[in-house]
Amino acid sequence: MYRQVRWANFGSSTFFFVVHTKTFWRYRAIARQPRQVDLVNENIRASRVLLIHDGKQEEMSTRDAQQRADDMGQDLVLVQANAQPPVAKIMDWGKAKFEAQKRQKEQRKNQKVVQVKEVRMSPVIDSGDFETRKKAAIKFLEKGNKVKLNLRFRGRMITHQDIGREVLERMADELDDIAKVEQRAKMDGRQMFLVLAPKKG
């Protein structure tokens, strides 16, 4: 046990409490982690910078570069902190940061999340149910989702895995024009599954 006993005196009364050392150090490490700050204006600690502005490059003291940015009513921004000397630019930092956040938001908005939709089947599925499951798989694939064909063996049917594999592969063959096999037929307990992914374009 990572424990330590601490005593505390409060006037005429004495108390003790138990400190879990492992927990204490973990929380202390979290509390001591430095907060990420933007390397802008007074947050720039380098004494000299390579200032890039209006297509020109000039090495100067950070103080002079800051003064130039202040005279223009803009910010001095460090864009390459690890360079020697660090590289800085003069810009409207608030506007630049807003535009960057806006672009990231648009990228997340346009990013399509691919889901895996499950279609359940049986080794002894009839032609009507097969067509129904096929239509459901087509609908999922056309929306850009993957399809997991899941076939469950009940009772003694587990001894006829070859029949189940034929059903899954038949479905994959009939969807070959819009889907490709991403995961071949594979057993998982009493279930056999096959994963289809939509073909691009």
C-alpha atoms as a PDB file:
ATOM      1  CA  MET A   1       0.000   0.000   0.000  1.00  0.00           C
ATOM      2  CA  TYR A   2       1.276   3.419  -0.912  1.00  0.00           C
ATOM      3  CA  ARG A   3       0.180   5.184   2.245  1.00  0.00           C
ATOM      4  CA  GLN A   4       1.647   7.681   4.607  1.00  0.00           C
ATOM      5  CA  VAL A   5       0.204   8.968   7.867  1.00  0.00           C
ATOM      6  CA  ARG A   6       0.256  12.717   8.427  1.00  0.00           C
ATOM      7  CA  TRP A   7      -0.358  14.468  11.726  1.00  0.00           C
ATOM      8  CA  ALA A   8      -1.744  17.952  12.058  1.00  0.00           C
ATOM      9  CA  ASN A   9      -1.956  20.132  15.166  1.00  0.00           C
ATOM     10  CA  PHE A  10      -4.860  22.569  15.535  1.00  0.00           C
ATOM     11  CA  GLY A  11      -4.554  24.248  18.908  1.00  0.00           C
ATOM     12  CA  SER A  12      -5.210  21.743  21.645  1.00  0.00           C
ATOM     13  CA  SER A  13      -6.479  19.092  19.227  1.00  0.00           C
ATOM     14  CA  THR A  14      -4.383  16.731  17.150  1.00  0.00           C
ATOM     15  CA  PHE A  15      -5.627  15.011  14.021  1.00  0.00           C
ATOM     16  CA  PHE A  16      -4.112  12.542  11.619  1.00  0.00           C
ATOM     17  CA  PHE A  17      -5.014  11.676   8.056  1.00  0.00           C
ATOM     18  CA  VAL A  18      -3.862   9.093   5.530  1.00  0.00           C
ATOM     19  CA  VAL A  19      -2.247  10.140   2.259  1.00  0.00           C
ATOM     20  CA  HIS A  20      -2.266   7.713  -0.654  1.00  0.00           C
ATOM     21  CA  THR A  21       1.216   8.470  -1.960  1.00  0.00           C
ATOM     22  CA  LYS A  22       0.680   7.052  -5.448  1.00  0.00           C
ATOM     23  CA  THR A  23      -2.505   9.055  -5.972  1.00  0.00           C
ATOM     24  CA  PHE A  24      -0.911  12.180  -4.522  1.00  0.00           C
ATOM     25  CA  TRP A  25       2.029  12.122  -6.924  1.00  0.00           C
ATOM     26  CA  ARG A  26      -0.244  11.411  -9.907  1.00  0.00           C
ATOM     27  CA  TYR A  27      -2.422  14.437  -9.180  1.00  0.00           C
ATOM     28  CA  ARG A  28       0.639  16.540  -8.453  1.00  0.00           C
ATOM     29  CA  ALA A  29       2.158  15.591 -11.832  1.00  0.00           C
ATOM     30  CA  ILE A  30      -1.072  16.567 -13.599  1.00  0.00           C
ATOM     31  CA  ALA A  31      -1.208  19.876 -11.748  1.00  0.00           C
ATOM     32  CA  ARG A  32       2.407  20.657 -12.662  1.00  0.00           C
ATOM     33  CA  GLN A  33       1.958  20.029 -16.385  1.00  0.00           C
ATOM     34  CA  PRO A  34       2.614  23.300 -18.212  1.00  0.00           C
ATOM     35  CA  ARG A  35      -0.345  24.850 -19.948  1.00  0.00           C
ATOM     36  CA  GLN A  36       0.035  25.257 -23.681  1.00  0.00           C
ATOM     37  CA  VAL A  37       0.374  28.923 -24.527  1.00  0.00           C
ATOM     38  CA  ASP A  38       0.411  30.651 -27.881  1.00  0.00           C
ATOM     39  CA  LEU A  39       3.908  31.859 -28.792  1.00  0.00           C
ATOM     40  CA  VAL A  40       2.737  35.373 -29.449  1.00  0.00           C
ATOM     41  CA  ASN A  41       4.033  38.798 -28.336  1.00  0.00           C
ATOM     42  CA  GLU A  42       5.111  38.714 -24.670  1.00  0.00           C
ATOM     43  CA  ASN A  43       5.042  34.894 -24.622  1.00  0.00           C
ATOM     44  CA  ILE A  44       8.062  34.781 -26.948  1.00  0.00           C
ATOM     45  CA  ARG A  45      11.144  34.105 -24.796  1.00  0.00           C
ATOM     46  CA  ALA A  46      13.820  34.061 -27.491  1.00  0.00           C
ATOM     47  CA  SER A  47      16.156  37.063 -27.447  1.00  0.00           C
ATOM     48  CA  ARG A  48      16.442  37.198 -31.255  1.00  0.00           C
ATOM     49  CA  VAL A  49      14.195  36.122 -34.127  1.00  0.00           C
ATOM     50  CA  LEU A  50      14.285  35.864 -37.896  1.00  0.00           C
ATOM     51  CA  LEU A  51      11.443  38.143 -38.906  1.00  0.00           C
ATOM     52  CA  ILE A  52       9.654  37.356 -42.163  1.00  0.00           C
ATOM     53  CA  HIS A  53       7.433  40.155 -43.400  1.00  0.00           C
ATOM     54  CA  ASP A  54       6.442  41.511 -46.802  1.00  0.00           C
ATOM     55  CA  GLY A  55       8.558  38.870 -48.530  1.00  0.00           C
ATOM     56  CA  LYS A  56      11.714  39.924 -46.670  1.00  0.00           C
ATOM     57  CA  GLN A  57      13.759  38.166 -43.984  1.00  0.00           C
ATOM     58  CA  GLU A  58      15.695  40.009 -41.330  1.00  0.00           C
ATOM     59  CA  GLU A  59      17.311  38.818 -38.113  1.00  0.00           C
ATOM     60  CA  MET A  60      16.795  41.201 -35.221  1.00  0.00           C
ATOM     61  CA  SER A  61      16.186  41.355 -31.517  1.00  0.00           C
ATOM     62  CA  THR A  62      12.783  40.196 -30.365  1.00  0.00           C
ATOM     63  CA  ARG A  63      12.234  43.616 -28.785  1.00  0.00           C
ATOM     64  CA  ASP A  64      12.716  45.391 -32.135  1.00  0.00           C
ATOM     65  CA  ALA A  65      10.478  42.905 -33.911  1.00  0.00           C
ATOM     66  CA  GLN A  66       7.804  43.377 -31.256  1.00  0.00           C
ATOM     67  CA  GLN A  67       8.057  47.136 -31.609  1.00  0.00           C
ATOM     68  CA  ARG A  68       7.602  46.848 -35.369  1.00  0.00           C
ATOM     69  CA  ALA A  69       4.500  44.689 -34.869  1.00  0.00           C
ATOM     70  CA  ASP A  70       3.106  47.152 -32.296  1.00  0.00           C
ATOM     71  CA  ASP A  71       3.635  50.072 -34.677  1.00  0.00           C
ATOM     72  CA  MET A  72       1.551  48.224 -37.264  1.00  0.00           C
ATOM     73  CA  GLY A  73      -1.172  47.374 -34.754  1.00  0.00           C
ATOM     74  CA  GLN A  74      -0.581  43.656 -35.197  1.00  0.00           C
ATOM     75  CA  ASP A  75       1.009  40.723 -33.355  1.00  0.00           C
ATOM     76  CA  LEU A  76       4.426  39.114 -33.422  1.00  0.00           C
ATOM     77  CA  VAL A  77       3.889  35.363 -33.873  1.00  0.00           C
ATOM     78  CA  LEU A  78       6.516  32.643 -33.582  1.00  0.00           C
ATOM     79  CA  VAL A  79       5.931  30.191 -36.442  1.00  0.00           C
ATOM     80  CA  GLN A  80       9.081  28.028 -36.090  1.00  0.00           C
ATOM     81  CA  ALA A  81      10.101  27.957 -32.456  1.00  0.00           C
ATOM     82  CA  ASN A  82      12.825  25.291 -32.896  1.00  0.00           C
ATOM     83  CA  ALA A  83      14.714  27.093 -35.667  1.00  0.00           C
ATOM     84  CA  GLN A  84      17.968  28.916 -34.984  1.00  0.00           C
ATOM     85  CA  PRO A  85      17.081  31.711 -34.639  1.00  0.00           C
ATOM     86  CA  PRO A  86      13.321  31.157 -34.182  1.00  0.00           C
ATOM     87  CA  VAL A  87      11.227  32.352 -37.118  1.00  0.00           C
ATOM     88  CA  ALA A  88       8.549  34.982 -36.486  1.00  0.00           C
ATOM     89  CA  LYS A  89       5.899  36.731 -38.556  1.00  0.00           C
ATOM     90  CA  ILE A  90       3.784  39.823 -38.099  1.00  0.00           C
ATOM     91  CA  MET A  91       0.069  39.154 -38.420  1.00  0.00           C
ATOM     92  CA  ASP A  92      -3.344  39.597 -36.858  1.00  0.00           C
ATOM     93  CA  TRP A  93      -3.134  36.601 -34.536  1.00  0.00           C
ATOM     94  CA  GLY A  94      -6.772  36.710 -33.471  1.00  0.00           C
ATOM     95  CA  LYS A  95      -7.955  36.604 -37.080  1.00  0.00           C
ATOM     96  CA  ALA A  96      -5.440  33.913 -38.062  1.00  0.00           C
ATOM     97  CA  LYS A  97      -6.453  31.717 -35.131  1.00  0.00           C
ATOM     98  CA  PHE A  98     -10.145  32.169 -35.918  1.00  0.00           C
ATOM     99  CA  GLU A  99      -9.584  31.191 -39.557  1.00  0.00           C
ATOM    100  CA  ALA A 100      -7.597  28.096 -38.524  1.00  0.00           C
ATOM    101  CA  GLN A 101     -10.356  26.982 -36.151  1.00  0.00           C
ATOM    102  CA  LYS A 102     -12.930  27.608 -38.871  1.00  0.00           C
ATOM    103  CA  ARG A 103     -10.995  25.421 -41.329  1.00  0.00           C
ATOM    104  CA  GLN A 104     -10.680  22.620 -38.758  1.00  0.00           C
ATOM    105  CA  LYS A 105     -14.414  22.809 -38.076  1.00  0.00           C
ATOM    106  CA  GLU A 106     -15.175  22.555 -41.796  1.00  0.00           C
ATOM    107  CA  GLN A 107     -12.834  19.585 -42.166  1.00  0.00           C
ATOM    108  CA  ARG A 108     -14.551  17.751 -39.291  1.00  0.00           C
ATOM    109  CA  LYS A 109     -17.934  18.612 -40.788  1.00  0.00           C
ATOM    110  CA  ASN A 110     -16.985  17.256 -44.212  1.00  0.00           C
ATOM    111  CA  GLN A 111     -15.289  14.174 -42.821  1.00  0.00           C
ATOM    112  CA  LYS A 112     -17.540  11.171 -43.384  1.00  0.00           C
ATOM    113  CA  VAL A 113     -17.780   8.696 -40.531  1.00  0.00           C
ATOM    114  CA  VAL A 114     -17.865   5.150 -41.872  1.00  0.00           C
ATOM    115  CA  GLN A 115     -20.076   2.877 -39.818  1.00  0.00           C
ATOM    116  CA  VAL A 116     -20.320  -0.911 -39.814  1.00  0.00           C
ATOM    117  CA  LYS A 117     -23.903  -2.049 -40.295  1.00  0.00           C
ATOM    118  CA  GLU A 118     -24.871  -5.594 -39.385  1.00  0.00           C
ATOM    119  CA  VAL A 119     -27.053  -7.834 -41.538  1.00  0.00           C
ATOM    120  CA  ARG A 120     -28.092 -11.047 -39.804  1.00  0.00           C
ATOM    121  CA  MET A 121     -28.588 -14.223 -41.752  1.00  0.00           C
ATOM    122  CA  SER A 122     -29.149 -17.934 -41.251  1.00  0.00           C
ATOM    123  CA  PRO A 123     -27.470 -20.984 -42.843  1.00  0.00           C
ATOM    124  CA  VAL A 124     -30.914 -22.187 -43.967  1.00  0.00           C
ATOM    125  CA  ILE A 125     -32.166 -18.805 -45.193  1.00  0.00           C
ATOM    126  CA  ASP A 126     -34.849 -18.985 -47.908  1.00  0.00           C
ATOM    127  CA  SER A 127     -34.743 -17.023 -51.149  1.00  0.00           C
ATOM    128  CA  GLY A 128     -37.229 -14.377 -49.942  1.00  0.00           C
ATOM    129  CA  ASP A 129     -35.291 -13.562 -46.772  1.00  0.00           C
ATOM    130  CA  PHE A 130     -32.046 -13.639 -48.754  1.00  0.00           C
ATOM    131  CA  GLU A 131     -33.349 -10.939 -51.117  1.00  0.00           C
ATOM    132  CA  THR A 132     -34.578  -8.860 -48.172  1.00  0.00           C
ATOM    133  CA  ARG A 133     -31.136  -8.998 -46.523  1.00  0.00           C
ATOM    134  CA  LYS A 134     -29.528  -8.210 -49.864  1.00  0.00           C
ATOM    135  CA  LYS A 135     -31.640  -5.048 -50.278  1.00  0.00           C
ATOM    136  CA  ALA A 136     -30.709  -3.944 -46.736  1.00  0.00           C
ATOM    137  CA  ALA A 137     -27.000  -4.477 -47.467  1.00  0.00           C
ATOM    138  CA  ILE A 138     -27.270  -2.500 -50.718  1.00  0.00           C
ATOM    139  CA  LYS A 139     -28.896   0.402 -48.872  1.00  0.00           C
ATOM    140  CA  PHE A 140     -26.084   0.479 -46.292  1.00  0.00           C
ATOM    141  CA  LEU A 141     -23.340   0.217 -48.905  1.00  0.00           C
ATOM    142  CA  GLU A 142     -24.797   2.988 -51.066  1.00  0.00           C
ATOM    143  CA  LYS A 143     -24.629   5.283 -48.034  1.00  0.00           C
ATOM    144  CA  GLY A 144     -20.912   4.566 -47.737  1.00  0.00           C
ATOM    145  CA  ASN A 145     -21.110   2.213 -44.764  1.00  0.00           C
ATOM    146  CA  LYS A 146     -19.468  -1.162 -44.363  1.00  0.00           C
ATOM    147  CA  VAL A 147     -21.643  -4.242 -43.962  1.00  0.00           C
ATOM    148  CA  LYS A 148     -20.996  -7.126 -41.609  1.00  0.00           C
ATOM    149  CA  LEU A 149     -22.857 -10.219 -42.758  1.00  0.00           C
ATOM    150  CA  ASN A 150     -23.450 -12.143 -39.554  1.00  0.00           C
ATOM    151  CA  LEU A 151     -24.611 -15.752 -39.700  1.00  0.00           C
ATOM    152  CA  ARG A 152     -25.465 -17.622 -36.490  1.00  0.00           C
ATOM    153  CA  PHE A 153     -25.400 -21.424 -36.175  1.00  0.00           C
ATOM    154  CA  ARG A 154     -28.043 -22.911 -33.879  1.00  0.00           C
ATOM    155  CA  GLY A 155     -27.884 -26.382 -32.405  1.00  0.00           C
ATOM    156  CA  ARG A 156     -26.436 -29.018 -34.711  1.00  0.00           C
ATOM    157  CA  MET A 157     -26.145 -26.566 -37.606  1.00  0.00           C
ATOM    158  CA  ILE A 158     -22.647 -25.773 -36.255  1.00  0.00           C
ATOM    159  CA  THR A 159     -21.494 -28.986 -37.932  1.00  0.00           C
ATOM    160  CA  HIS A 160     -22.393 -27.551 -41.353  1.00  0.00           C
ATOM    161  CA  GLN A 161     -20.119 -24.536 -41.478  1.00  0.00           C
ATOM    162  CA  ASP A 162     -19.558 -25.106 -45.187  1.00  0.00           C
ATOM    163  CA  ILE A 163     -23.238 -24.330 -45.863  1.00  0.00           C
ATOM    164  CA  GLY A 164     -22.990 -21.084 -43.896  1.00  0.00           C
ATOM    165  CA  ARG A 165     -19.832 -20.090 -45.761  1.00  0.00           C
ATOM    166  CA  GLU A 166     -21.594 -20.682 -49.080  1.00  0.00           C
ATOM    167  CA  VAL A 167     -24.460 -18.380 -48.034  1.00  0.00           C
ATOM    168  CA  LEU A 168     -22.068 -15.564 -47.075  1.00  0.00           C
ATOM    169  CA  GLU A 169     -19.961 -15.929 -50.214  1.00  0.00           C
ATOM    170  CA  ARG A 170     -23.093 -16.013 -52.382  1.00  0.00           C
ATOM    171  CA  MET A 171     -24.184 -12.690 -50.902  1.00  0.00           C
ATOM    172  CA  ALA A 172     -20.706 -11.234 -51.469  1.00  0.00           C
ATOM    173  CA  ASP A 173     -20.767 -12.410 -55.103  1.00  0.00           C
ATOM    174  CA  GLU A 174     -24.177 -10.836 -55.753  1.00  0.00           C
ATOM    175  CA  LEU A 175     -22.963  -7.521 -54.319  1.00  0.00           C
ATOM    176  CA  ASP A 176     -19.653  -7.629 -56.180  1.00  0.00           C
ATOM    177  CA  ASP A 177     -20.585  -4.686 -58.423  1.00  0.00           C
ATOM    178  CA  ILE A 178     -20.840  -2.265 -55.466  1.00  0.00           C
ATOM    179  CA  ALA A 179     -18.825  -3.931 -52.687  1.00  0.00           C
ATOM    180  CA  LYS A 180     -15.530  -5.654 -52.064  1.00  0.00           C
ATOM    181  CA  VAL A 181     -14.735  -8.289 -49.444  1.00  0.00           C
ATOM    182  CA  GLU A 182     -12.733  -6.683 -46.651  1.00  0.00           C
ATOM    183  CA  GLN A 183     -12.826  -9.676 -44.283  1.00  0.00           C
ATOM    184  CA  ARG A 184     -13.288 -13.199 -45.545  1.00  0.00           C
ATOM    185  CA  ALA A 185     -15.750 -15.565 -43.852  1.00  0.00           C
ATOM    186  CA  LYS A 186     -14.495 -16.271 -40.350  1.00  0.00           C
ATOM    187  CA  MET A 187     -15.855 -18.101 -37.308  1.00  0.00           C
ATOM    188  CA  ASP A 188     -16.414 -16.269 -34.022  1.00  0.00           C
ATOM    189  CA  GLY A 189     -17.876 -18.653 -31.444  1.00  0.00           C
ATOM    190  CA  ARG A 190     -21.112 -19.981 -32.936  1.00  0.00           C
ATOM    191  CA  GLN A 191     -21.206 -17.202 -35.509  1.00  0.00           C
ATOM    192  CA  MET A 192     -19.603 -16.771 -38.883  1.00  0.00           C
ATOM    193  CA  PHE A 193     -19.168 -13.301 -40.338  1.00  0.00           C
ATOM    194  CA  LEU A 194     -17.957 -11.647 -43.508  1.00  0.00           C
ATOM    195  CA  VAL A 195     -17.289  -7.913 -43.912  1.00  0.00           C
ATOM    196  CA  LEU A 196     -18.017  -5.957 -47.078  1.00  0.00           C
ATOM    197  CA  ALA A 197     -16.807  -2.429 -47.863  1.00  0.00           C
ATOM    198  CA  PRO A 198     -18.254  -0.153 -50.549  1.00  0.00           C
ATOM    199  CA  LYS A 199     -16.229   0.217 -53.718  1.00  0.00           C
ATOM    200  CA  LYS A 200     -14.999   3.760 -54.305  1.00  0.00           C
ATOM    201  CA  GLY A 201     -16.696   5.637 -57.085  1.00  0.00           C
END
